[in-house]
Structures are given as C-alpha cells and as structure tokens.
Amino acid sequence: MYLTVARQLLVMALIVIISFFFSRKNKFGQSASQYLSRLLLYVINPCMIVSAFDADFSGEKLKSLGLAIGVSFVFHFVMIAIATILFAFRRNVSQDQEAARDCLSKIGIVFTNSGFIGIPLINGVFGPGGVFYLMGYILVFNVLLWVWGEWLMTGSIRPLKIILNPNVLACAAGLALFCAPFRLPYVVAEPLKMIGACNGAVSMILLGLLFASFDAASKGKAYVKPLARDVLMRLVVCPLILLCATLFAMRNFSSVSEIQLIMNVLFIAAACPVGMSVSSFAVVFKKDADYASLLVAVSSAACVLTIPLLVALLEALV
C-alpha cells in the first residue's frame, strides 16, 4: 500500500509544481488564493462529503463510522496532550510574538491537512469507501478546531461557529442521507459527484499558489528552530505515537468488518502535514501569518517522503 500512497502523493506534488510555476509567472495574489479557499470550503468539499454518504444504508457501516469517530477523538486528544506537554515549560516566553507563535505551533501539531491533502489522497488510494470513513475524522477535526483551537487564540469558545461550519453541516446532511431509505436522484447526485471530484486538483492548485506567493527571506533565520521542531512533531513524533493506537485498534476490534480500512484511513489522516487552518487562524486572529504559511508549506513538501515511510512501517508491523 505504501507504494500506492507514494505514487498518489507524487501525482499531487506534480499538480502543485505546475500551479507554482504558473502562479509565479502570472503573479496571482491573495485574491486568487482567497477565491480558491472559499470555493473549496463552501462548495467543493461539502459536495464531496455529501456525495460520499450517498450510498445504500448499512447498519454495519454506520457502526464502523461510529468507531471511526471515536478513534478520531482519541487521536486528537493524544495530539493535544503531546502539544500541551511540549510547550508546558514555555509559559513565560519573552515576547508576545513568541507566545502567539507557540499557539500557532500547537494548532499546527494537532490539526492536519486532512481536507485539502487528506481527501484527495484517501480518495486516490482507497476510493469513496475510504473517504466515507475519513468523514468521521474531519467531523471531529472541525469540532475540536473551533473548541480547543479558538480557545487557544482568544480564550473563548463560540458554539455557533462549530454548528455552522460548512464541513460539519455537510457531514450532518450526508449522515442523514445515508440513513434515509432512498438515494439522491441522478440529476442531483451527478453534479455533486462532479464538483466533489475537483477536490484533489483544486486543493493542489491552491497549495501551489500559496507556495508561489510566499516570501520568508526576511524572517527565515528566526523561523528555523521552531519550524524544525513543529514539522518534526507533526510529521514524525505524533504519527509514531498514534501508530501504537492504530495497531491496538486493529488487533482489538478485529470483529469490525472494515477495521483495516478504517485504521489505515485514520492513520494517514493523522500523518498528513499541517492543516491550512493554521494559516486561516493566523490571519483571522492577527497572529504570525508568515510563520503559519511557512509551516504549512514546509510540512506539505516534507510529507511526500514521511507519509509513505510511515505507511510502510504500519504495513510491516500489522
């Protein structure tokens, strides 16, 4: 399986490279990246999520989805604990900028790019069946991002933000559709499927655009140490710790028919690079946006090597 994962990542990387050079040549700016981000968040991703749930109801699959959601909570709580312990001795940092960067680091370590990179990767490797279980991870991701993540940024929590998140709404609508005694008519299902299929290409185009518009030359030296620490934690330390939980679940929930698929999907989602949400939070809450963008960019480039190696390790231990 790791060869399939590596091949899919290389395909995605090629799209990023094409987008990077095209964006550099045409000097696309922030307006273009904002448009693609909103298109993905409000249109493409919700369409793909609903389309993934447009399947015949199965009590066994519903039970398996519940397991995926439960394991996803465990994964996120473990990563939150890791990030909290890592920065426990840095409470009295010398500058406000460093304190803000620490908050972004925590969010970057915990919340992966399970949407923009995870969805096309899982879809390319496992197909719609894998995306179905990935929705459990994305649902937990969005709930905890707007609970713990926003609490880190502001010291407060806004429940309405969680309820009205487009991906959470799409998961709720998709789950209701899955439990309904009917399928969507072709004239509705096909547009959703076609729009959702754009996720992979548009996500990689957006990533290439972000790489092309980023310039960290002026602050590069100050970012080296925290960047190396955060990328190492996100791509190596957290996945290796979660590997133990993955193996435990595979061996103790063997009665679940698709446990291998579920755990492979969740493990890959947890091994993805830093989520673009860290960049969004940096902009919205006026933190260090340059560092957040660099963290997303470097971890996204490095994951082409780390994810296949981690999947190979998982296969060797199963």
C-alpha atoms as a PDB file:
ATOM      1  CA  MET A   1       0.000   0.000   0.000  1.00  0.00           C
ATOM      2  CA  TYR A   2       2.842   2.427   0.716  1.00  0.00           C
ATOM      3  CA  LEU A   3       3.803   2.386  -2.981  1.00  0.00           C
ATOM      4  CA  THR A   4       0.242   3.365  -3.893  1.00  0.00           C
ATOM      5  CA  VAL A   5       0.366   6.178  -1.324  1.00  0.00           C
ATOM      6  CA  ALA A   6       3.748   7.368  -2.626  1.00  0.00           C
ATOM      7  CA  ARG A   7       2.512   7.315  -6.217  1.00  0.00           C
ATOM      8  CA  GLN A   8      -0.605   9.304  -5.320  1.00  0.00           C
ATOM      9  CA  LEU A   9       1.477  11.869  -3.400  1.00  0.00           C
ATOM     10  CA  LEU A  10       3.797  12.278  -6.377  1.00  0.00           C
ATOM     11  CA  VAL A  11       0.792  12.858  -8.643  1.00  0.00           C
ATOM     12  CA  MET A  12      -0.467  15.508  -6.250  1.00  0.00           C
ATOM     13  CA  ALA A  13       3.014  17.058  -5.965  1.00  0.00           C
ATOM     14  CA  LEU A  14       3.224  17.374  -9.744  1.00  0.00           C
ATOM     15  CA  ILE A  15      -0.002  19.407  -9.777  1.00  0.00           C
ATOM     16  CA  VAL A  16       1.437  21.646  -7.017  1.00  0.00           C
ATOM     17  CA  ILE A  17       4.609  22.217  -9.074  1.00  0.00           C
ATOM     18  CA  ILE A  18       2.638  23.111 -12.206  1.00  0.00           C
ATOM     19  CA  SER A  19       0.474  25.505 -10.189  1.00  0.00           C
ATOM     20  CA  PHE A  20       3.552  27.010  -8.520  1.00  0.00           C
ATOM     21  CA  PHE A  21       5.292  27.972 -11.767  1.00  0.00           C
ATOM     22  CA  PHE A  22       2.076  29.118 -13.439  1.00  0.00           C
ATOM     23  CA  SER A  23       1.206  31.283 -10.417  1.00  0.00           C
ATOM     24  CA  ARG A  24       4.705  32.748 -10.245  1.00  0.00           C
ATOM     25  CA  LYS A  25       4.651  33.609 -13.944  1.00  0.00           C
ATOM     26  CA  ASN A  26       1.237  35.271 -13.787  1.00  0.00           C
ATOM     27  CA  LYS A  27       1.778  36.794 -10.314  1.00  0.00           C
ATOM     28  CA  PHE A  28      -1.528  35.724  -8.834  1.00  0.00           C
ATOM     29  CA  GLY A  29      -2.057  37.286  -5.432  1.00  0.00           C
ATOM     30  CA  GLN A  30      -4.113  36.977  -2.290  1.00  0.00           C
ATOM     31  CA  SER A  31      -7.440  37.440  -4.069  1.00  0.00           C
ATOM     32  CA  ALA A  32      -6.882  34.289  -6.135  1.00  0.00           C
ATOM     33  CA  SER A  33      -5.955  32.196  -3.094  1.00  0.00           C
ATOM     34  CA  GLN A  34      -8.951  33.533  -1.154  1.00  0.00           C
ATOM     35  CA  TYR A  35     -11.272  32.625  -4.026  1.00  0.00           C
ATOM     36  CA  LEU A  36      -9.935  29.050  -4.269  1.00  0.00           C
ATOM     37  CA  SER A  37     -10.014  28.652  -0.468  1.00  0.00           C
ATOM     38  CA  ARG A  38     -13.646  29.720  -0.297  1.00  0.00           C
ATOM     39  CA  LEU A  39     -14.534  27.562  -3.322  1.00  0.00           C
ATOM     40  CA  LEU A  40     -13.033  24.518  -1.590  1.00  0.00           C
ATOM     41  CA  LEU A  41     -14.511  25.287   1.823  1.00  0.00           C
ATOM     42  CA  TYR A  42     -18.028  26.296   0.811  1.00  0.00           C
ATOM     43  CA  VAL A  43     -18.649  24.339  -2.416  1.00  0.00           C
ATOM     44  CA  ILE A  44     -16.252  21.544  -3.397  1.00  0.00           C
ATOM     45  CA  ASN A  45     -15.581  19.891  -0.023  1.00  0.00           C
ATOM     46  CA  PRO A  46     -19.257  19.888   1.089  1.00  0.00           C
ATOM     47  CA  CYS A  47     -20.285  18.412  -2.285  1.00  0.00           C
ATOM     48  CA  MET A  48     -17.703  15.653  -1.968  1.00  0.00           C
ATOM     49  CA  ILE A  49     -18.734  14.888   1.617  1.00  0.00           C
ATOM     50  CA  VAL A  50     -22.437  14.594   0.751  1.00  0.00           C
ATOM     51  CA  SER A  51     -21.588  12.532  -2.330  1.00  0.00           C
ATOM     52  CA  ALA A  52     -19.514  10.140  -0.202  1.00  0.00           C
ATOM     53  CA  PHE A  53     -22.559   9.471   2.004  1.00  0.00           C
ATOM     54  CA  ASP A  54     -24.886   8.899  -0.962  1.00  0.00           C
ATOM     55  CA  ALA A  55     -24.840   5.107  -0.611  1.00  0.00           C
ATOM     56  CA  ASP A  56     -27.207   2.326   0.388  1.00  0.00           C
ATOM     57  CA  PHE A  57     -27.731   2.190   4.150  1.00  0.00           C
ATOM     58  CA  SER A  58     -25.833  -0.438   6.094  1.00  0.00           C
ATOM     59  CA  GLY A  59     -26.066  -0.857   9.844  1.00  0.00           C
ATOM     60  CA  GLU A  60     -22.568  -2.361   9.847  1.00  0.00           C
ATOM     61  CA  LYS A  61     -21.115   0.659   8.035  1.00  0.00           C
ATOM     62  CA  LEU A  62     -22.894   3.040  10.412  1.00  0.00           C
ATOM     63  CA  LYS A  63     -21.376   1.153  13.342  1.00  0.00           C
ATOM     64  CA  SER A  64     -17.966   1.333  11.667  1.00  0.00           C
ATOM     65  CA  LEU A  65     -18.374   5.076  11.123  1.00  0.00           C
ATOM     66  CA  GLY A  66     -19.148   5.464  14.828  1.00  0.00           C
ATOM     67  CA  LEU A  67     -15.926   3.619  15.603  1.00  0.00           C
ATOM     68  CA  ALA A  68     -14.036   5.931  13.222  1.00  0.00           C
ATOM     69  CA  ILE A  69     -15.427   8.965  15.040  1.00  0.00           C
ATOM     70  CA  GLY A  70     -14.491   7.519  18.438  1.00  0.00           C
ATOM     71  CA  VAL A  71     -10.941   6.691  17.346  1.00  0.00           C
ATOM     72  CA  SER A  72     -10.608  10.146  15.784  1.00  0.00           C
ATOM     73  CA  PHE A  73     -11.445  11.732  19.147  1.00  0.00           C
ATOM     74  CA  VAL A  74      -8.767   9.580  20.791  1.00  0.00           C
ATOM     75  CA  PHE A  75      -6.218  10.556  18.138  1.00  0.00           C
ATOM     76  CA  HIS A  76      -6.915  14.263  18.578  1.00  0.00           C
ATOM     77  CA  PHE A  77      -6.855  14.112  22.377  1.00  0.00           C
ATOM     78  CA  VAL A  78      -3.492  12.330  22.257  1.00  0.00           C
ATOM     79  CA  MET A  79      -2.077  15.014  19.942  1.00  0.00           C
ATOM     80  CA  ILE A  80      -3.488  17.797  22.114  1.00  0.00           C
ATOM     81  CA  ALA A  81      -1.766  16.201  25.115  1.00  0.00           C
ATOM     82  CA  ILE A  82       1.517  15.990  23.176  1.00  0.00           C
ATOM     83  CA  ALA A  83       1.340  19.645  22.108  1.00  0.00           C
ATOM     84  CA  THR A  84       0.391  20.780  25.635  1.00  0.00           C
ATOM     85  CA  ILE A  85       3.267  18.886  27.264  1.00  0.00           C
ATOM     86  CA  LEU A  86       5.755  20.114  24.645  1.00  0.00           C
ATOM     87  CA  PHE A  87       5.023  23.772  25.439  1.00  0.00           C
ATOM     88  CA  ALA A  88       4.375  23.345  29.174  1.00  0.00           C
ATOM     89  CA  PHE A  89       7.761  24.806  30.038  1.00  0.00           C
ATOM     90  CA  ARG A  90       7.412  27.808  27.716  1.00  0.00           C
ATOM     91  CA  ARG A  91       4.612  29.613  29.500  1.00  0.00           C
ATOM     92  CA  ASN A  92       6.743  32.654  30.305  1.00  0.00           C
ATOM     93  CA  VAL A  93       8.069  33.406  26.840  1.00  0.00           C
ATOM     94  CA  SER A  94       9.990  36.629  26.387  1.00  0.00           C
ATOM     95  CA  GLN A  95       7.860  38.266  23.679  1.00  0.00           C
ATOM     96  CA  ASP A  96       4.203  38.431  22.709  1.00  0.00           C
ATOM     97  CA  GLN A  97       5.178  37.370  19.187  1.00  0.00           C
ATOM     98  CA  GLU A  98       6.743  34.160  20.513  1.00  0.00           C
ATOM     99  CA  ALA A  99       3.631  33.441  22.591  1.00  0.00           C
ATOM    100  CA  ALA A 100       1.444  33.889  19.500  1.00  0.00           C
ATOM    101  CA  ARG A 101       3.747  31.625  17.509  1.00  0.00           C
ATOM    102  CA  ASP A 102       3.511  28.962  20.209  1.00  0.00           C
ATOM    103  CA  CYS A 103      -0.282  28.951  19.871  1.00  0.00           C
ATOM    104  CA  LEU A 104       0.030  28.505  16.111  1.00  0.00           C
ATOM    105  CA  SER A 105       2.552  25.723  16.684  1.00  0.00           C
ATOM    106  CA  LYS A 106       0.130  23.853  18.933  1.00  0.00           C
ATOM    107  CA  ILE A 107      -2.648  24.104  16.361  1.00  0.00           C
ATOM    108  CA  GLY A 108      -0.247  23.036  13.600  1.00  0.00           C
ATOM    109  CA  ILE A 109       0.897  19.982  15.554  1.00  0.00           C
ATOM    110  CA  VAL A 110      -2.649  18.802  16.319  1.00  0.00           C
ATOM    111  CA  PHE A 111      -4.712  19.683  13.246  1.00  0.00           C
ATOM    112  CA  THR A 112      -3.611  18.069   9.991  1.00  0.00           C
ATOM    113  CA  ASN A 113      -4.441  18.874   6.393  1.00  0.00           C
ATOM    114  CA  SER A 114      -6.982  16.048   6.333  1.00  0.00           C
ATOM    115  CA  GLY A 115      -9.204  18.053   3.991  1.00  0.00           C
ATOM    116  CA  PHE A 116      -7.100  19.623   1.230  1.00  0.00           C
ATOM    117  CA  ILE A 117      -4.483  16.816   1.181  1.00  0.00           C
ATOM    118  CA  GLY A 118      -6.192  14.009   3.106  1.00  0.00           C
ATOM    119  CA  ILE A 119      -9.359  13.804   0.980  1.00  0.00           C
ATOM    120  CA  PRO A 120      -7.668  13.565  -2.450  1.00  0.00           C
ATOM    121  CA  LEU A 121      -5.006  11.223  -1.054  1.00  0.00           C
ATOM    122  CA  ILE A 122      -7.513   8.869   0.588  1.00  0.00           C
ATOM    123  CA  ASN A 123      -9.780   9.031  -2.451  1.00  0.00           C
ATOM    124  CA  GLY A 124      -6.878   8.172  -4.743  1.00  0.00           C
ATOM    125  CA  VAL A 125      -5.719   5.242  -2.608  1.00  0.00           C
ATOM    126  CA  PHE A 126      -8.958   3.782  -1.194  1.00  0.00           C
ATOM    127  CA  GLY A 127     -11.719   5.356  -3.289  1.00  0.00           C
ATOM    128  CA  PRO A 128     -15.110   6.585  -1.975  1.00  0.00           C
ATOM    129  CA  GLY A 129     -15.161   3.865   0.700  1.00  0.00           C
ATOM    130  CA  GLY A 130     -12.100   5.378   2.338  1.00  0.00           C
ATOM    131  CA  VAL A 131     -13.485   8.912   2.058  1.00  0.00           C
ATOM    132  CA  PHE A 132     -16.637   7.720   3.864  1.00  0.00           C
ATOM    133  CA  TYR A 133     -14.627   6.877   6.997  1.00  0.00           C
ATOM    134  CA  LEU A 134     -12.416   9.946   6.612  1.00  0.00           C
ATOM    135  CA  MET A 135     -15.568  11.995   7.229  1.00  0.00           C
ATOM    136  CA  GLY A 136     -15.505  10.789  10.845  1.00  0.00           C
ATOM    137  CA  TYR A 137     -12.012  12.254  11.259  1.00  0.00           C
ATOM    138  CA  ILE A 138     -12.972  15.529   9.552  1.00  0.00           C
ATOM    139  CA  LEU A 139     -16.075  15.889  11.734  1.00  0.00           C
ATOM    140  CA  VAL A 140     -14.004  15.543  14.925  1.00  0.00           C
ATOM    141  CA  PHE A 141     -11.319  17.813  13.434  1.00  0.00           C
ATOM    142  CA  ASN A 142     -13.764  20.664  12.840  1.00  0.00           C
ATOM    143  CA  VAL A 143     -15.445  20.380  16.235  1.00  0.00           C
ATOM    144  CA  LEU A 144     -12.164  20.403  18.187  1.00  0.00           C
ATOM    145  CA  LEU A 145     -10.581  23.065  15.952  1.00  0.00           C
ATOM    146  CA  TRP A 146     -13.327  25.534  16.855  1.00  0.00           C
ATOM    147  CA  VAL A 147     -13.346  24.489  20.504  1.00  0.00           C
ATOM    148  CA  TRP A 148      -9.736  23.986  21.559  1.00  0.00           C
ATOM    149  CA  GLY A 149      -8.178  25.929  18.663  1.00  0.00           C
ATOM    150  CA  GLU A 150     -10.249  29.056  19.120  1.00  0.00           C
ATOM    151  CA  TRP A 151      -9.846  28.852  22.886  1.00  0.00           C
ATOM    152  CA  LEU A 152      -6.059  28.973  22.367  1.00  0.00           C
ATOM    153  CA  MET A 153      -6.389  32.039  20.146  1.00  0.00           C
ATOM    154  CA  THR A 154      -8.987  34.043  22.090  1.00  0.00           C
ATOM    155  CA  GLY A 155      -9.651  32.369  25.422  1.00  0.00           C
ATOM    156  CA  SER A 156     -13.304  31.858  24.427  1.00  0.00           C
ATOM    157  CA  ILE A 157     -15.470  29.362  22.512  1.00  0.00           C
ATOM    158  CA  ARG A 158     -18.281  30.096  20.022  1.00  0.00           C
ATOM    159  CA  PRO A 159     -20.563  27.045  19.601  1.00  0.00           C
ATOM    160  CA  LEU A 160     -22.321  28.630  16.625  1.00  0.00           C
ATOM    161  CA  LYS A 161     -19.045  28.523  14.671  1.00  0.00           C
ATOM    162  CA  ILE A 162     -18.977  24.741  15.111  1.00  0.00           C
ATOM    163  CA  ILE A 163     -22.607  24.203  14.121  1.00  0.00           C
ATOM    164  CA  LEU A 164     -22.412  26.446  11.044  1.00  0.00           C
ATOM    165  CA  ASN A 165     -19.088  25.112   9.757  1.00  0.00           C
ATOM    166  CA  PRO A 166     -19.748  24.017   6.140  1.00  0.00           C
ATOM    167  CA  ASN A 167     -17.982  20.679   6.574  1.00  0.00           C
ATOM    168  CA  VAL A 168     -19.858  19.889   9.799  1.00  0.00           C
ATOM    169  CA  LEU A 169     -23.159  20.752   8.099  1.00  0.00           C
ATOM    170  CA  ALA A 170     -22.196  18.589   5.108  1.00  0.00           C
ATOM    171  CA  CYS A 171     -21.326  15.659   7.409  1.00  0.00           C
ATOM    172  CA  ALA A 172     -24.685  16.017   9.193  1.00  0.00           C
ATOM    173  CA  ALA A 173     -26.573  16.212   5.881  1.00  0.00           C
ATOM    174  CA  GLY A 174     -24.609  13.293   4.479  1.00  0.00           C
ATOM    175  CA  LEU A 175     -25.254  11.140   7.543  1.00  0.00           C
ATOM    176  CA  ALA A 176     -28.991  11.893   7.322  1.00  0.00           C
ATOM    177  CA  LEU A 177     -28.899  10.972   3.637  1.00  0.00           C
ATOM    178  CA  PHE A 178     -27.055   7.719   4.391  1.00  0.00           C
ATOM    179  CA  CYS A 179     -29.713   6.738   6.946  1.00  0.00           C
ATOM    180  CA  ALA A 180     -32.590   7.693   4.624  1.00  0.00           C
ATOM    181  CA  PRO A 181     -34.418   4.921   2.720  1.00  0.00           C
ATOM    182  CA  PHE A 182     -33.587   6.453  -0.675  1.00  0.00           C
ATOM    183  CA  ARG A 183     -30.692   7.648  -2.835  1.00  0.00           C
ATOM    184  CA  LEU A 184     -30.363  11.068  -4.409  1.00  0.00           C
ATOM    185  CA  PRO A 185     -31.780  11.330  -7.943  1.00  0.00           C
ATOM    186  CA  TYR A 186     -29.225  11.272 -10.751  1.00  0.00           C
ATOM    187  CA  VAL A 187     -29.699  14.945 -11.660  1.00  0.00           C
ATOM    188  CA  VAL A 188     -28.690  15.895  -8.098  1.00  0.00           C
ATOM    189  CA  ALA A 189     -26.153  13.171  -7.328  1.00  0.00           C
ATOM    190  CA  GLU A 190     -24.137  13.599 -10.529  1.00  0.00           C
ATOM    191  CA  PRO A 191     -23.436  17.360 -10.123  1.00  0.00           C
ATOM    192  CA  LEU A 192     -22.415  16.732  -6.501  1.00  0.00           C
ATOM    193  CA  LYS A 193     -20.099  13.935  -7.621  1.00  0.00           C
ATOM    194  CA  MET A 194     -18.585  16.009 -10.431  1.00  0.00           C
ATOM    195  CA  ILE A 195     -17.974  19.042  -8.227  1.00  0.00           C
ATOM    196  CA  GLY A 196     -16.586  16.884  -5.421  1.00  0.00           C
ATOM    197  CA  ALA A 197     -14.202  15.210  -7.873  1.00  0.00           C
ATOM    198  CA  CYS A 198     -12.493  18.602  -8.344  1.00  0.00           C
ATOM    199  CA  ASN A 199     -11.237  18.491  -4.749  1.00  0.00           C
ATOM    200  CA  GLY A 200      -7.856  16.928  -5.449  1.00  0.00           C
ATOM    201  CA  ALA A 201      -6.809  19.145  -8.344  1.00  0.00           C
ATOM    202  CA  VAL A 202      -8.129  22.407  -6.868  1.00  0.00           C
ATOM    203  CA  SER A 203      -6.543  21.684  -3.475  1.00  0.00           C
ATOM    204  CA  MET A 204      -3.137  21.144  -5.063  1.00  0.00           C
ATOM    205  CA  ILE A 205      -3.547  24.201  -7.299  1.00  0.00           C
ATOM    206  CA  LEU A 206      -4.272  26.262  -4.183  1.00  0.00           C
ATOM    207  CA  LEU A 207      -1.216  24.832  -2.433  1.00  0.00           C
ATOM    208  CA  GLY A 208       0.997  25.744  -5.398  1.00  0.00           C
ATOM    209  CA  LEU A 209      -0.486  29.244  -5.407  1.00  0.00           C
ATOM    210  CA  LEU A 210       0.289  29.663  -1.709  1.00  0.00           C
ATOM    211  CA  PHE A 211       3.873  28.481  -2.221  1.00  0.00           C
ATOM    212  CA  ALA A 212       4.317  30.924  -5.108  1.00  0.00           C
ATOM    213  CA  SER A 213       3.037  33.931  -3.161  1.00  0.00           C
ATOM    214  CA  PHE A 214       5.056  33.256  -0.012  1.00  0.00           C
ATOM    215  CA  ASP A 215       8.349  35.002   0.720  1.00  0.00           C
ATOM    216  CA  ALA A 216      10.001  34.326   4.074  1.00  0.00           C
ATOM    217  CA  ALA A 217      13.518  35.514   3.194  1.00  0.00           C
ATOM    218  CA  SER A 218      13.391  38.381   5.680  1.00  0.00           C
ATOM    219  CA  LYS A 219      12.410  36.185   8.647  1.00  0.00           C
ATOM    220  CA  GLY A 220      13.783  32.814   7.588  1.00  0.00           C
ATOM    221  CA  LYS A 221      16.562  32.623  10.172  1.00  0.00           C
ATOM    222  CA  ALA A 222      14.257  33.361  13.117  1.00  0.00           C
ATOM    223  CA  TYR A 223      11.905  30.621  11.978  1.00  0.00           C
ATOM    224  CA  VAL A 224      14.419  27.779  11.536  1.00  0.00           C
ATOM    225  CA  LYS A 225      14.352  26.286  15.047  1.00  0.00           C
ATOM    226  CA  PRO A 226      10.602  26.459  15.762  1.00  0.00           C
ATOM    227  CA  LEU A 227       9.875  25.324  12.205  1.00  0.00           C
ATOM    228  CA  ALA A 228      12.123  22.249  12.501  1.00  0.00           C
ATOM    229  CA  ARG A 229      10.551  21.394  15.863  1.00  0.00           C
ATOM    230  CA  ASP A 230       6.956  21.740  14.682  1.00  0.00           C
ATOM    231  CA  VAL A 231       7.441  19.860  11.403  1.00  0.00           C
ATOM    232  CA  LEU A 232       9.208  17.033  13.238  1.00  0.00           C
ATOM    233  CA  MET A 233       6.398  16.815  15.790  1.00  0.00           C
ATOM    234  CA  ARG A 234       3.657  16.923  13.127  1.00  0.00           C
ATOM    235  CA  LEU A 235       5.140  14.508  10.596  1.00  0.00           C
ATOM    236  CA  VAL A 236       7.159  12.110  12.745  1.00  0.00           C
ATOM    237  CA  VAL A 237       6.556  12.176  16.510  1.00  0.00           C
ATOM    238  CA  CYS A 238       2.743  12.357  16.555  1.00  0.00           C
ATOM    239  CA  PRO A 239       2.263   9.706  13.833  1.00  0.00           C
ATOM    240  CA  LEU A 240       4.694   7.326  15.532  1.00  0.00           C
ATOM    241  CA  ILE A 241       2.832   7.636  18.829  1.00  0.00           C
ATOM    242  CA  LEU A 242      -0.520   7.199  17.063  1.00  0.00           C
ATOM    243  CA  LEU A 243       0.902   4.156  15.284  1.00  0.00           C
ATOM    244  CA  CYS A 244       0.674   2.337  18.621  1.00  0.00           C
ATOM    245  CA  ALA A 245      -3.012   3.275  18.950  1.00  0.00           C
ATOM    246  CA  THR A 246      -3.609   2.168  15.349  1.00  0.00           C
ATOM    247  CA  LEU A 247      -2.075  -1.266  15.950  1.00  0.00           C
ATOM    248  CA  PHE A 248      -4.032  -1.623  19.206  1.00  0.00           C
ATOM    249  CA  ALA A 249      -7.326  -0.874  17.450  1.00  0.00           C
ATOM    250  CA  MET A 250      -6.576  -3.265  14.584  1.00  0.00           C
ATOM    251  CA  ARG A 251      -5.886  -6.107  16.998  1.00  0.00           C
ATOM    252  CA  ASN A 252      -8.692  -5.453  19.481  1.00  0.00           C
ATOM    253  CA  PHE A 253     -11.509  -4.546  17.075  1.00  0.00           C
ATOM    254  CA  SER A 254     -10.875  -7.313  14.567  1.00  0.00           C
ATOM    255  CA  SER A 255     -14.580  -8.190  14.675  1.00  0.00           C
ATOM    256  CA  VAL A 256     -15.353  -4.957  12.804  1.00  0.00           C
ATOM    257  CA  SER A 257     -15.511  -5.950   9.134  1.00  0.00           C
ATOM    258  CA  GLU A 258     -13.560  -2.981   7.745  1.00  0.00           C
ATOM    259  CA  ILE A 259     -11.240  -2.282  10.663  1.00  0.00           C
ATOM    260  CA  GLN A 260      -8.127  -2.435   8.462  1.00  0.00           C
ATOM    261  CA  LEU A 261      -9.535   0.149   6.056  1.00  0.00           C
ATOM    262  CA  ILE A 262     -10.790   2.386   8.883  1.00  0.00           C
ATOM    263  CA  MET A 263      -7.487   2.457  10.731  1.00  0.00           C
ATOM    264  CA  ASN A 264      -5.407   2.912   7.584  1.00  0.00           C
ATOM    265  CA  VAL A 265      -7.556   5.910   6.632  1.00  0.00           C
ATOM    266  CA  LEU A 266      -7.396   7.476  10.103  1.00  0.00           C
ATOM    267  CA  PHE A 267      -3.660   6.882  10.439  1.00  0.00           C
ATOM    268  CA  ILE A 268      -2.930   8.523   7.080  1.00  0.00           C
ATOM    269  CA  ALA A 269      -5.202  11.448   8.014  1.00  0.00           C
ATOM    270  CA  ALA A 270      -3.262  11.862  11.275  1.00  0.00           C
ATOM    271  CA  ALA A 271       0.061  11.673   9.391  1.00  0.00           C
ATOM    272  CA  CYS A 272      -0.860  14.489   6.981  1.00  0.00           C
ATOM    273  CA  PRO A 273       1.021  17.812   7.112  1.00  0.00           C
ATOM    274  CA  VAL A 274      -0.021  20.929   8.996  1.00  0.00           C
ATOM    275  CA  GLY A 275      -3.553  21.957   8.097  1.00  0.00           C
ATOM    276  CA  MET A 276      -4.275  25.167   6.237  1.00  0.00           C
ATOM    277  CA  SER A 277      -6.486  26.078   9.182  1.00  0.00           C
ATOM    278  CA  VAL A 278      -3.354  27.302  10.979  1.00  0.00           C
ATOM    279  CA  SER A 279      -2.862  29.912   8.239  1.00  0.00           C
ATOM    280  CA  SER A 280      -6.522  30.894   8.402  1.00  0.00           C
ATOM    281  CA  PHE A 281      -6.371  31.268  12.185  1.00  0.00           C
ATOM    282  CA  ALA A 282      -3.189  33.360  11.912  1.00  0.00           C
ATOM    283  CA  VAL A 283      -4.918  35.786   9.546  1.00  0.00           C
ATOM    284  CA  VAL A 284      -8.254  35.900  11.380  1.00  0.00           C
ATOM    285  CA  PHE A 285      -6.739  36.361  14.843  1.00  0.00           C
ATOM    286  CA  LYS A 286      -3.833  38.574  13.640  1.00  0.00           C
ATOM    287  CA  LYS A 287      -1.017  36.277  14.710  1.00  0.00           C
ATOM    288  CA  ASP A 288       2.238  35.481  12.845  1.00  0.00           C
ATOM    289  CA  ALA A 289       0.777  34.723   9.390  1.00  0.00           C
ATOM    290  CA  ASP A 290       4.223  34.419   7.740  1.00  0.00           C
ATOM    291  CA  TYR A 291       5.267  31.649  10.116  1.00  0.00           C
ATOM    292  CA  ALA A 292       1.931  29.867   9.731  1.00  0.00           C
ATOM    293  CA  SER A 293       2.236  29.880   5.926  1.00  0.00           C
ATOM    294  CA  LEU A 294       5.818  28.619   6.083  1.00  0.00           C
ATOM    295  CA  LEU A 295       4.801  25.838   8.477  1.00  0.00           C
ATOM    296  CA  VAL A 296       2.081  24.677   6.071  1.00  0.00           C
ATOM    297  CA  ALA A 297       4.421  24.896   3.072  1.00  0.00           C
ATOM    298  CA  VAL A 298       7.406  23.047   4.545  1.00  0.00           C
ATOM    299  CA  SER A 299       5.354  20.277   6.158  1.00  0.00           C
ATOM    300  CA  SER A 300       3.379  19.800   2.929  1.00  0.00           C
ATOM    301  CA  ALA A 301       6.591  19.369   0.943  1.00  0.00           C
ATOM    302  CA  ALA A 302       8.131  17.001   3.514  1.00  0.00           C
ATOM    303  CA  CYS A 303       5.059  14.746   3.752  1.00  0.00           C
ATOM    304  CA  VAL A 304       5.800  13.355   0.273  1.00  0.00           C
ATOM    305  CA  LEU A 305       8.619  11.451   1.992  1.00  0.00           C
ATOM    306  CA  THR A 306       7.248  10.877   5.508  1.00  0.00           C
ATOM    307  CA  ILE A 307       3.753   9.534   4.769  1.00  0.00           C
ATOM    308  CA  PRO A 308       4.881   6.628   2.520  1.00  0.00           C
ATOM    309  CA  LEU A 309       7.569   5.683   5.073  1.00  0.00           C
ATOM    310  CA  LEU A 310       5.041   5.707   7.920  1.00  0.00           C
ATOM    311  CA  VAL A 311       2.564   3.629   5.899  1.00  0.00           C
ATOM    312  CA  ALA A 312       5.353   1.167   5.064  1.00  0.00           C
ATOM    313  CA  LEU A 313       6.152   0.897   8.792  1.00  0.00           C
ATOM    314  CA  LEU A 314       2.498   0.278   9.609  1.00  0.00           C
ATOM    315  CA  GLU A 315       2.288  -2.468   6.963  1.00  0.00           C
ATOM    316  CA  ALA A 316       5.431  -4.109   8.353  1.00  0.00           C
ATOM    317  CA  LEU A 317       4.021  -4.192  11.898  1.00  0.00           C
ATOM    318  CA  VAL A 318       0.491  -5.384  11.106  1.00  0.00           C
END
